[in-house]
Amino acid sequence: MIAHALASGVCAAGVDAELVGVLPTPGIAFLTRASGASAGIVVSASHNPYQDNGIKIFGPDGFKLPDEKETEIENLVLDGNTSGLKPANHIIGRTGYNHQAAVQYGDFLKRCVPFEAGADGNRIVKVVLDCAHGATYEIAPRIFSELGFTVEAINVQPNGININHQCGSQHPAELAQRVAAEQADLGLAFDGDGDRMIAVDDCGEVLSGDRVLAVSAQYLQMQARLKNNTVVSTVMSNVGLSRCLKNLGLRHQTTRVGDRYVMEGMRASGATLGGEDSGHIIFAEHHTTGDGILSGLMLIDAIRHQSKPLSKLKEVMSAFPQTLINVSVRSKPNLDSLAQVQGAIKEVESRLGDNGRVLVRYSGTESLCRVMVEGPNREAVEAFARAISQAIGEAIG
């Protein structure tokens, strides 16, 4: 319904609209750039429940729009002042359907990591994919199968309302169990729109985006493909990632939360690798945005070239215990104005000292305040996070 409404609006503005069906968000970014389109639009709830559907917009270069441009579009919609944008009445666009979109995107992904699965004795044989009942449900199993892997795909029965429900990158427990049960070499969990990837190693342990970043950084550094010896991540990244990159002799640059800000930081610094702990990994030598399938292929490439299982490669980074609590809030006042909350934060920071950190921020898409605490042991960080969450709940919950 939303996609066809958007197509109608595009045509009413005198522009042609091309529908491509179900395709991961990074697939739209690729097609927009490759086809010379003026823009790309994705209808998606991303990693959220289906009722949170919204739109993501890419410019003709395949990059997400900057904040100021999105704000301009929102203001045009909310104010209803679009009269100056309407063409003459006789100018109307047409709709079409690109039946080859998935094939074109799949061919692009396979060109990014051109290997044959049976080429050597150190190959990964079996991969379990969790497609979150989302946009990767069809294309991901096909691509990995075409590359010669034995593929076990789970959560590939989308019905319109089960996307991301207790599965995918947000809920990798089922994938971890399946990897262990199947004695698979690797597990990859995507989110609903396919721009995130969380990995599970051959021992069934879940690896966050930070650890995938660390493994990827070491591999690209070994291949002299890590431009400017720089890795970009957000302020949510684990302290262990910073220490890992420092030990590798690499520069670590941080940005505000959001993959678009990571990409902006990468473009400014000339970095070719960046990402988020949530699983957005950006390989700028290949793509303009985070891509879950591409991230999985790059991770496999790192494993194969180093002839080590992921359970060994992950040892490049030691993660600090970290906990994240989402507190439902009725409003989002400036956190600095909440004396009770600031008091709780300062108390925790004082007790942690240099052995941890606190990050409290509002969600950009939900009525939530996120409380993240890192520290020397699990019991302490969970207690500290609960104390801050309680203060937030009492103030604005």
Protein backbone atom coordinates (compact mmCIF):
# COMPACT_ATOMS: atom_id res chain seq x y z
CA MET A 1 0.00 0.00 0.00
CA ILE A 2 2.73 2.47 0.97
CA ALA A 3 4.89 1.56 -2.03
CA HIS A 4 2.05 2.17 -4.48
CA ALA A 5 1.10 5.42 -2.76
CA LEU A 6 4.70 6.58 -3.16
CA ALA A 7 4.73 5.52 -6.81
CA SER A 8 1.52 7.50 -7.38
CA GLY A 9 3.09 10.57 -5.81
CA VAL A 10 6.21 10.21 -7.94
CA CYS A 11 4.11 9.95 -11.11
CA ALA A 12 1.96 12.92 -10.07
CA ALA A 13 5.18 14.94 -9.86
CA GLY A 14 5.91 14.08 -13.49
CA VAL A 15 8.59 11.46 -12.77
CA ASP A 16 8.64 7.79 -13.75
CA ALA A 17 8.58 5.21 -10.94
CA GLU A 18 10.18 1.78 -11.16
CA LEU A 19 9.01 -0.90 -8.71
CA VAL A 20 11.41 -3.73 -7.83
CA GLY A 21 9.43 -5.78 -5.32
CA VAL A 22 11.03 -7.22 -2.18
CA LEU A 23 14.71 -6.32 -2.05
CA PRO A 24 17.12 -5.44 0.77
CA THR A 25 17.67 -1.75 1.44
CA PRO A 26 21.30 -1.84 0.17
CA GLY A 27 19.94 -3.35 -3.03
CA ILE A 28 17.97 -0.16 -3.64
CA ALA A 29 21.07 1.93 -2.95
CA PHE A 30 22.97 -0.10 -5.55
CA LEU A 31 20.23 0.01 -8.19
CA THR A 32 19.71 3.75 -7.75
CA ARG A 33 23.37 4.45 -8.47
CA ALA A 34 23.79 1.80 -11.18
CA SER A 35 20.68 2.77 -13.14
CA GLY A 36 21.19 6.52 -13.01
CA ALA A 37 17.92 7.08 -11.15
CA SER A 38 17.22 10.41 -9.48
CA ALA A 39 16.50 8.74 -6.14
CA GLY A 40 15.78 5.45 -4.44
CA ILE A 41 13.04 4.88 -1.87
CA VAL A 42 12.69 1.91 0.48
CA VAL A 43 9.53 1.04 2.40
CA SER A 44 10.68 -0.76 5.52
CA ALA A 45 10.38 -1.14 9.28
CA SER A 46 14.13 -1.83 9.23
CA HIS A 47 14.96 -3.85 12.38
CA ASN A 48 11.68 -2.91 14.10
CA PRO A 49 8.22 -4.57 14.23
CA TYR A 50 6.17 -4.39 11.04
CA GLN A 51 3.87 -1.63 12.30
CA ASP A 52 6.86 0.75 12.41
CA ASN A 53 7.03 0.94 8.62
CA GLY A 54 8.62 4.08 7.25
CA ILE A 55 10.70 5.13 4.27
CA LYS A 56 14.42 5.42 3.61
CA ILE A 57 15.61 7.67 0.79
CA PHE A 58 18.83 7.47 -1.21
CA GLY A 59 20.22 10.16 -3.48
CA PRO A 60 21.34 9.49 -7.07
CA ASP A 61 24.83 8.65 -5.77
CA GLY A 62 23.47 5.79 -3.65
CA PHE A 63 24.13 7.55 -0.34
CA LYS A 64 21.48 8.26 2.28
CA LEU A 65 20.29 11.85 2.32
CA PRO A 66 21.87 14.21 4.87
CA ASP A 67 19.79 15.38 7.82
CA GLU A 68 19.09 18.81 6.36
CA LYS A 69 17.68 17.34 3.15
CA GLU A 70 15.45 14.89 5.04
CA THR A 71 14.23 17.74 7.24
CA GLU A 72 13.40 19.76 4.13
CA ILE A 73 11.35 16.87 2.73
CA GLU A 74 9.56 16.35 6.06
CA ASN A 75 8.67 20.03 6.23
CA LEU A 76 7.26 19.96 2.70
CA VAL A 77 5.07 17.00 3.62
CA LEU A 78 3.93 18.28 7.01
CA ASP A 79 3.29 21.83 5.80
CA GLY A 80 1.57 20.69 2.63
CA ASN A 81 3.30 23.48 0.74
CA THR A 82 4.25 21.59 -2.42
CA SER A 83 2.53 23.82 -4.98
CA GLY A 84 5.80 25.05 -6.40
CA LEU A 85 6.96 21.49 -7.06
CA LYS A 86 4.01 20.35 -9.18
CA PRO A 87 4.56 20.15 -12.95
CA ALA A 88 2.02 21.16 -15.59
CA ASN A 89 -1.13 19.08 -15.46
CA HIS A 90 -0.33 17.26 -18.69
CA ILE A 91 3.03 15.99 -17.38
CA ILE A 92 2.49 12.65 -15.66
CA GLY A 93 5.03 9.93 -14.96
CA ARG A 94 4.62 6.24 -15.65
CA THR A 95 5.21 3.16 -13.50
CA GLY A 96 7.14 0.09 -14.54
CA TYR A 97 8.54 -3.07 -12.92
CA ASN A 98 12.15 -4.22 -13.00
CA HIS A 99 11.94 -8.01 -12.98
CA GLN A 100 15.75 -8.29 -13.08
CA ALA A 101 16.44 -6.17 -10.01
CA ALA A 102 17.26 -9.07 -7.69
CA VAL A 103 19.53 -10.67 -10.30
CA GLN A 104 21.37 -7.39 -10.89
CA TYR A 105 21.89 -6.85 -7.17
CA GLY A 106 22.99 -10.46 -6.66
CA ASP A 107 25.52 -10.23 -9.49
CA PHE A 108 26.92 -7.07 -7.91
CA LEU A 109 27.41 -8.81 -4.55
CA LYS A 110 29.20 -11.75 -6.14
CA ARG A 111 31.52 -9.39 -8.01
CA CYS A 112 32.48 -7.73 -4.72
CA VAL A 113 33.86 -11.00 -3.31
CA PRO A 114 34.79 -13.10 -6.33
CA PHE A 115 35.55 -16.52 -4.92
CA GLU A 116 34.37 -20.04 -5.54
CA ALA A 117 33.41 -21.95 -2.40
CA GLY A 118 35.17 -25.15 -3.46
CA ALA A 119 38.43 -23.55 -4.53
CA ASP A 120 40.59 -24.69 -1.64
CA GLY A 121 40.80 -27.09 1.26
CA ASN A 122 40.20 -24.41 3.88
CA ARG A 123 36.77 -23.51 2.56
CA ILE A 124 33.70 -22.87 4.68
CA VAL A 125 31.25 -25.61 3.80
CA LYS A 126 28.08 -24.99 5.76
CA VAL A 127 26.41 -21.67 6.52
CA VAL A 128 23.21 -21.06 8.47
CA LEU A 129 21.30 -17.92 7.48
CA ASP A 130 18.63 -16.21 9.59
CA CYS A 131 16.67 -13.96 7.24
CA ALA A 132 14.30 -12.52 9.87
CA HIS A 133 11.25 -13.17 7.67
CA GLY A 134 12.45 -10.08 5.83
CA ALA A 135 13.85 -8.73 2.61
CA THR A 136 16.76 -11.22 2.41
CA TYR A 137 14.48 -14.27 2.68
CA GLU A 138 14.87 -15.21 -0.98
CA ILE A 139 18.01 -13.54 -2.31
CA ALA A 140 20.44 -14.44 0.52
CA PRO A 141 19.97 -18.24 0.40
CA ARG A 142 20.17 -18.12 -3.40
CA ILE A 143 23.44 -16.17 -3.48
CA PHE A 144 25.20 -18.35 -0.90
CA SER A 145 23.95 -21.50 -2.62
CA GLU A 146 25.18 -20.25 -6.01
CA LEU A 147 28.60 -19.72 -4.46
CA GLY A 148 28.71 -23.41 -3.57
CA PHE A 149 27.89 -23.37 0.14
CA THR A 150 25.60 -25.80 1.88
CA VAL A 151 22.95 -23.41 3.15
CA GLU A 152 20.52 -23.88 6.00
CA ALA A 153 18.08 -20.95 5.89
CA ILE A 154 15.71 -20.18 8.77
CA ASN A 155 12.96 -17.59 9.20
CA VAL A 156 12.23 -17.34 5.49
CA GLN A 157 8.41 -17.39 5.57
CA PRO A 158 7.36 -13.72 5.61
CA ASN A 159 3.63 -13.15 6.04
CA GLY A 160 3.68 -9.36 6.34
CA ILE A 161 3.59 -9.18 10.13
CA ASN A 162 6.27 -11.59 11.40
CA ILE A 163 9.29 -9.62 10.21
CA ASN A 164 11.99 -9.36 12.95
CA HIS A 165 9.74 -11.18 15.43
CA GLN A 166 12.05 -13.08 17.80
CA CYS A 167 14.51 -13.68 14.97
CA GLY A 168 17.19 -12.08 12.85
CA SER A 169 20.00 -9.79 13.97
CA GLN A 170 17.98 -8.51 16.93
CA HIS A 171 17.35 -12.01 18.31
CA PRO A 172 20.21 -14.35 17.27
CA ALA A 173 19.62 -17.04 19.95
CA GLU A 174 17.83 -19.39 17.55
CA LEU A 175 20.61 -19.01 14.99
CA ALA A 176 23.27 -19.81 17.59
CA GLN A 177 21.41 -22.97 18.57
CA ARG A 178 21.03 -24.02 14.94
CA VAL A 179 24.73 -23.45 14.14
CA ALA A 180 25.69 -25.67 17.08
CA ALA A 181 23.12 -28.34 16.22
CA GLU A 182 24.09 -28.44 12.54
CA GLN A 183 27.84 -28.22 13.31
CA ALA A 184 27.96 -25.40 10.78
CA ASP A 185 31.04 -23.33 10.06
CA LEU A 186 29.26 -20.01 10.42
CA GLY A 187 25.91 -18.36 11.07
CA LEU A 188 24.74 -15.02 9.69
CA ALA A 189 21.68 -13.16 11.00
CA PHE A 190 20.22 -10.28 8.97
CA ASP A 191 17.66 -7.72 10.06
CA GLY A 192 14.36 -7.15 8.28
CA ASP A 193 15.65 -4.86 5.55
CA GLY A 194 19.01 -6.57 5.17
CA ASP A 195 21.44 -3.78 6.01
CA ARG A 196 22.59 -5.33 9.32
CA MET A 197 24.45 -8.57 10.00
CA ILE A 198 25.27 -10.30 13.27
CA ALA A 199 27.54 -13.37 13.07
CA VAL A 200 27.68 -16.64 14.99
CA ASP A 201 31.01 -18.48 15.03
CA ASP A 202 31.68 -22.19 14.62
CA CYS A 203 31.35 -22.70 18.39
CA GLY A 204 27.89 -21.15 18.48
CA GLU A 205 28.94 -17.84 20.07
CA VAL A 206 27.24 -14.65 18.91
CA LEU A 207 29.58 -11.92 17.66
CA SER A 208 28.46 -8.31 17.77
CA GLY A 209 29.09 -5.82 14.99
CA ASP A 210 32.12 -4.51 16.86
CA ARG A 211 33.85 -7.89 16.77
CA VAL A 212 33.05 -8.28 13.08
CA LEU A 213 34.57 -4.82 12.57
CA ALA A 214 37.69 -5.90 14.45
CA VAL A 215 38.10 -9.09 12.39
CA SER A 216 37.50 -7.15 9.18
CA ALA A 217 39.95 -4.40 10.16
CA GLN A 218 42.73 -6.89 10.83
CA TYR A 219 42.07 -8.68 7.53
CA LEU A 220 41.92 -5.52 5.40
CA GLN A 221 45.06 -4.21 7.11
CA MET A 222 46.89 -7.43 6.22
CA GLN A 223 45.84 -6.95 2.59
CA ALA A 224 46.81 -3.24 2.57
CA ARG A 225 43.19 -2.37 1.78
CA LEU A 226 42.47 -0.32 4.90
CA LYS A 227 42.77 3.20 3.54
CA ASN A 228 44.37 5.72 5.88
CA ASN A 229 44.60 2.95 8.52
CA THR A 230 41.31 4.27 9.89
CA VAL A 231 38.16 2.57 11.18
CA VAL A 232 35.00 4.55 11.93
CA SER A 233 32.34 3.48 14.43
CA THR A 234 29.84 5.16 16.75
CA VAL A 235 30.02 6.19 20.38
CA MET A 236 28.08 2.99 21.17
CA SER A 237 31.06 0.81 20.23
CA ASN A 238 32.60 -1.33 22.94
CA VAL A 239 35.77 -0.05 24.63
CA GLY A 240 37.33 -3.34 23.57
CA LEU A 241 37.14 -2.25 19.92
CA SER A 242 39.17 0.89 20.60
CA ARG A 243 41.82 -1.12 22.45
CA CYS A 244 41.93 -3.71 19.66
CA LEU A 245 42.41 -1.08 16.94
CA LYS A 246 45.08 0.67 18.99
CA ASN A 247 46.95 -2.63 19.34
CA LEU A 248 46.77 -3.06 15.58
CA GLY A 249 48.24 0.41 15.10
CA LEU A 250 45.01 1.75 13.60
CA ARG A 251 43.19 5.03 14.08
CA HIS A 252 39.71 4.82 15.58
CA GLN A 253 37.27 7.61 14.78
CA THR A 254 33.83 7.77 16.45
CA THR A 255 30.60 9.44 15.36
CA ARG A 256 27.09 9.88 16.70
CA VAL A 257 24.78 6.86 16.49
CA GLY A 258 23.46 6.01 13.03
CA ASP A 259 24.98 4.36 9.98
CA ARG A 260 24.58 7.54 7.92
CA TYR A 261 26.85 9.37 10.38
CA VAL A 262 29.37 6.54 10.16
CA MET A 263 29.32 6.91 6.38
CA GLU A 264 29.73 10.68 6.66
CA GLY A 265 32.71 10.14 8.96
CA MET A 266 34.20 7.66 6.53
CA ARG A 267 33.85 10.03 3.59
CA ALA A 268 35.41 12.86 5.57
CA SER A 269 38.38 10.77 6.71
CA GLY A 270 38.78 8.68 3.57
CA ALA A 271 38.23 5.45 5.55
CA THR A 272 37.12 2.30 3.77
CA LEU A 273 35.75 0.46 6.83
CA GLY A 274 33.19 1.52 9.39
CA GLY A 275 30.14 0.31 11.21
CA GLU A 276 28.02 -0.04 14.31
CA ASP A 277 27.86 -2.60 17.08
CA SER A 278 24.27 -3.24 15.98
CA GLY A 279 25.57 -4.90 12.82
CA HIS A 280 25.75 -2.15 10.20
CA ILE A 281 29.12 -2.75 8.51
CA ILE A 282 30.17 -0.50 5.63
CA PHE A 283 32.83 -1.59 3.15
CA ALA A 284 33.28 1.64 1.19
CA GLU A 285 35.49 0.03 -1.44
CA HIS A 286 32.34 -1.75 -2.62
CA HIS A 287 29.20 0.01 -1.41
CA THR A 288 27.68 3.29 -0.23
CA THR A 289 25.79 1.86 2.73
CA GLY A 290 25.72 -1.03 5.18
CA ASP A 291 24.91 -4.36 3.53
CA GLY A 292 24.25 -7.51 5.56
CA ILE A 293 24.86 -9.99 2.75
CA LEU A 294 28.04 -8.24 1.63
CA SER A 295 29.25 -8.15 5.24
CA GLY A 296 28.72 -11.89 5.49
CA LEU A 297 30.63 -12.53 2.27
CA MET A 298 33.50 -10.30 3.38
CA LEU A 299 33.66 -12.09 6.72
CA ILE A 300 33.85 -15.46 4.96
CA ASP A 301 36.58 -14.06 2.72
CA ALA A 302 38.58 -13.11 5.82
CA ILE A 303 38.14 -16.56 7.33
CA ARG A 304 39.16 -18.37 4.15
CA HIS A 305 42.24 -16.28 3.40
CA GLN A 306 43.59 -16.68 6.92
CA SER A 307 42.72 -20.38 7.13
CA LYS A 308 41.34 -19.93 10.64
CA PRO A 309 37.82 -20.42 11.98
CA LEU A 310 35.91 -17.40 13.20
CA SER A 311 36.22 -18.68 16.77
CA LYS A 312 39.97 -17.99 16.47
CA LEU A 313 39.84 -14.77 14.46
CA LYS A 314 37.47 -13.16 16.98
CA GLU A 315 40.23 -13.32 19.60
CA VAL A 316 41.72 -10.16 18.07
CA MET A 317 39.24 -8.26 20.26
CA SER A 318 38.32 -8.74 23.90
CA ALA A 319 34.96 -7.16 24.65
CA PHE A 320 34.20 -5.38 27.90
CA PRO A 321 30.99 -6.59 29.59
CA GLN A 322 28.23 -4.34 28.33
CA THR A 323 24.52 -4.06 29.02
CA LEU A 324 21.81 -2.06 27.31
CA ILE A 325 18.42 -1.26 28.82
CA ASN A 326 15.61 0.40 26.85
CA VAL A 327 13.36 2.53 29.05
CA SER A 328 9.93 3.53 27.73
CA VAL A 329 9.43 7.29 28.03
CA ARG A 330 6.42 9.56 27.59
CA SER A 331 8.51 12.49 26.35
CA LYS A 332 12.08 13.34 25.35
CA PRO A 333 13.28 16.41 27.24
CA ASN A 334 16.95 17.34 27.18
CA LEU A 335 18.63 14.77 29.44
CA ASP A 336 20.86 17.49 30.88
CA SER A 337 17.75 19.11 32.36
CA LEU A 338 16.84 16.04 34.44
CA ALA A 339 18.73 16.49 37.71
CA GLN A 340 17.77 13.07 39.10
CA VAL A 341 18.99 11.32 35.96
CA GLN A 342 22.23 13.30 35.79
CA GLY A 343 22.89 12.48 39.42
CA ALA A 344 22.51 8.76 38.78
CA ILE A 345 24.80 8.96 35.72
CA LYS A 346 27.52 10.85 37.58
CA GLU A 347 27.38 8.41 40.48
CA VAL A 348 27.94 5.45 38.13
CA GLU A 349 30.70 7.25 36.21
CA SER A 350 32.45 8.03 39.47
CA ARG A 351 32.38 4.39 40.54
CA LEU A 352 33.57 3.13 37.16
CA GLY A 353 36.43 5.60 36.79
CA ASP A 354 38.66 4.63 33.85
CA ASN A 355 37.38 1.03 33.85
CA GLY A 356 34.15 1.65 31.99
CA ARG A 357 31.75 4.20 30.58
CA VAL A 358 28.10 5.26 30.44
CA LEU A 359 26.08 6.35 27.42
CA VAL A 360 22.46 7.48 27.74
CA ARG A 361 20.51 8.63 24.68
CA TYR A 362 17.04 8.64 23.18
CA SER A 363 16.09 6.30 20.35
CA GLY A 364 15.66 8.09 17.06
CA THR A 365 12.69 5.94 16.02
CA GLU A 366 10.92 4.83 19.20
CA SER A 367 9.69 6.32 22.50
CA LEU A 368 12.66 4.86 24.32
CA CYS A 369 15.68 6.06 26.25
CA ARG A 370 18.66 3.74 25.84
CA VAL A 371 20.98 3.19 28.78
CA MET A 372 24.31 1.56 27.96
CA VAL A 373 26.93 0.76 30.61
CA GLU A 374 30.32 -0.93 30.15
CA GLY A 375 32.53 -2.02 32.97
CA PRO A 376 34.89 -4.61 34.41
CA ASN A 377 32.28 -7.28 35.19
CA ARG A 378 28.76 -8.25 34.17
CA GLU A 379 27.16 -8.01 37.62
CA ALA A 380 28.39 -4.45 38.16
CA VAL A 381 27.33 -3.06 34.77
CA GLU A 382 23.85 -4.56 35.06
CA ALA A 383 23.38 -3.04 38.52
CA PHE A 384 24.62 0.35 37.33
CA ALA A 385 22.36 0.27 34.26
CA ARG A 386 19.33 -0.58 36.40
CA ALA A 387 20.05 2.35 38.72
CA ILE A 388 20.16 4.84 35.84
CA SER A 389 17.10 3.27 34.18
CA GLN A 390 15.13 3.60 37.41
CA ALA A 391 15.98 7.29 37.61
CA ILE A 392 14.83 7.80 34.01
CA GLY A 393 11.63 5.87 34.64
CA GLU A 394 10.81 7.99 37.67
CA ALA A 395 11.50 11.21 35.77
CA ILE A 396 9.85 10.65 32.37
CA GLY A 397 8.67 7.03 32.22
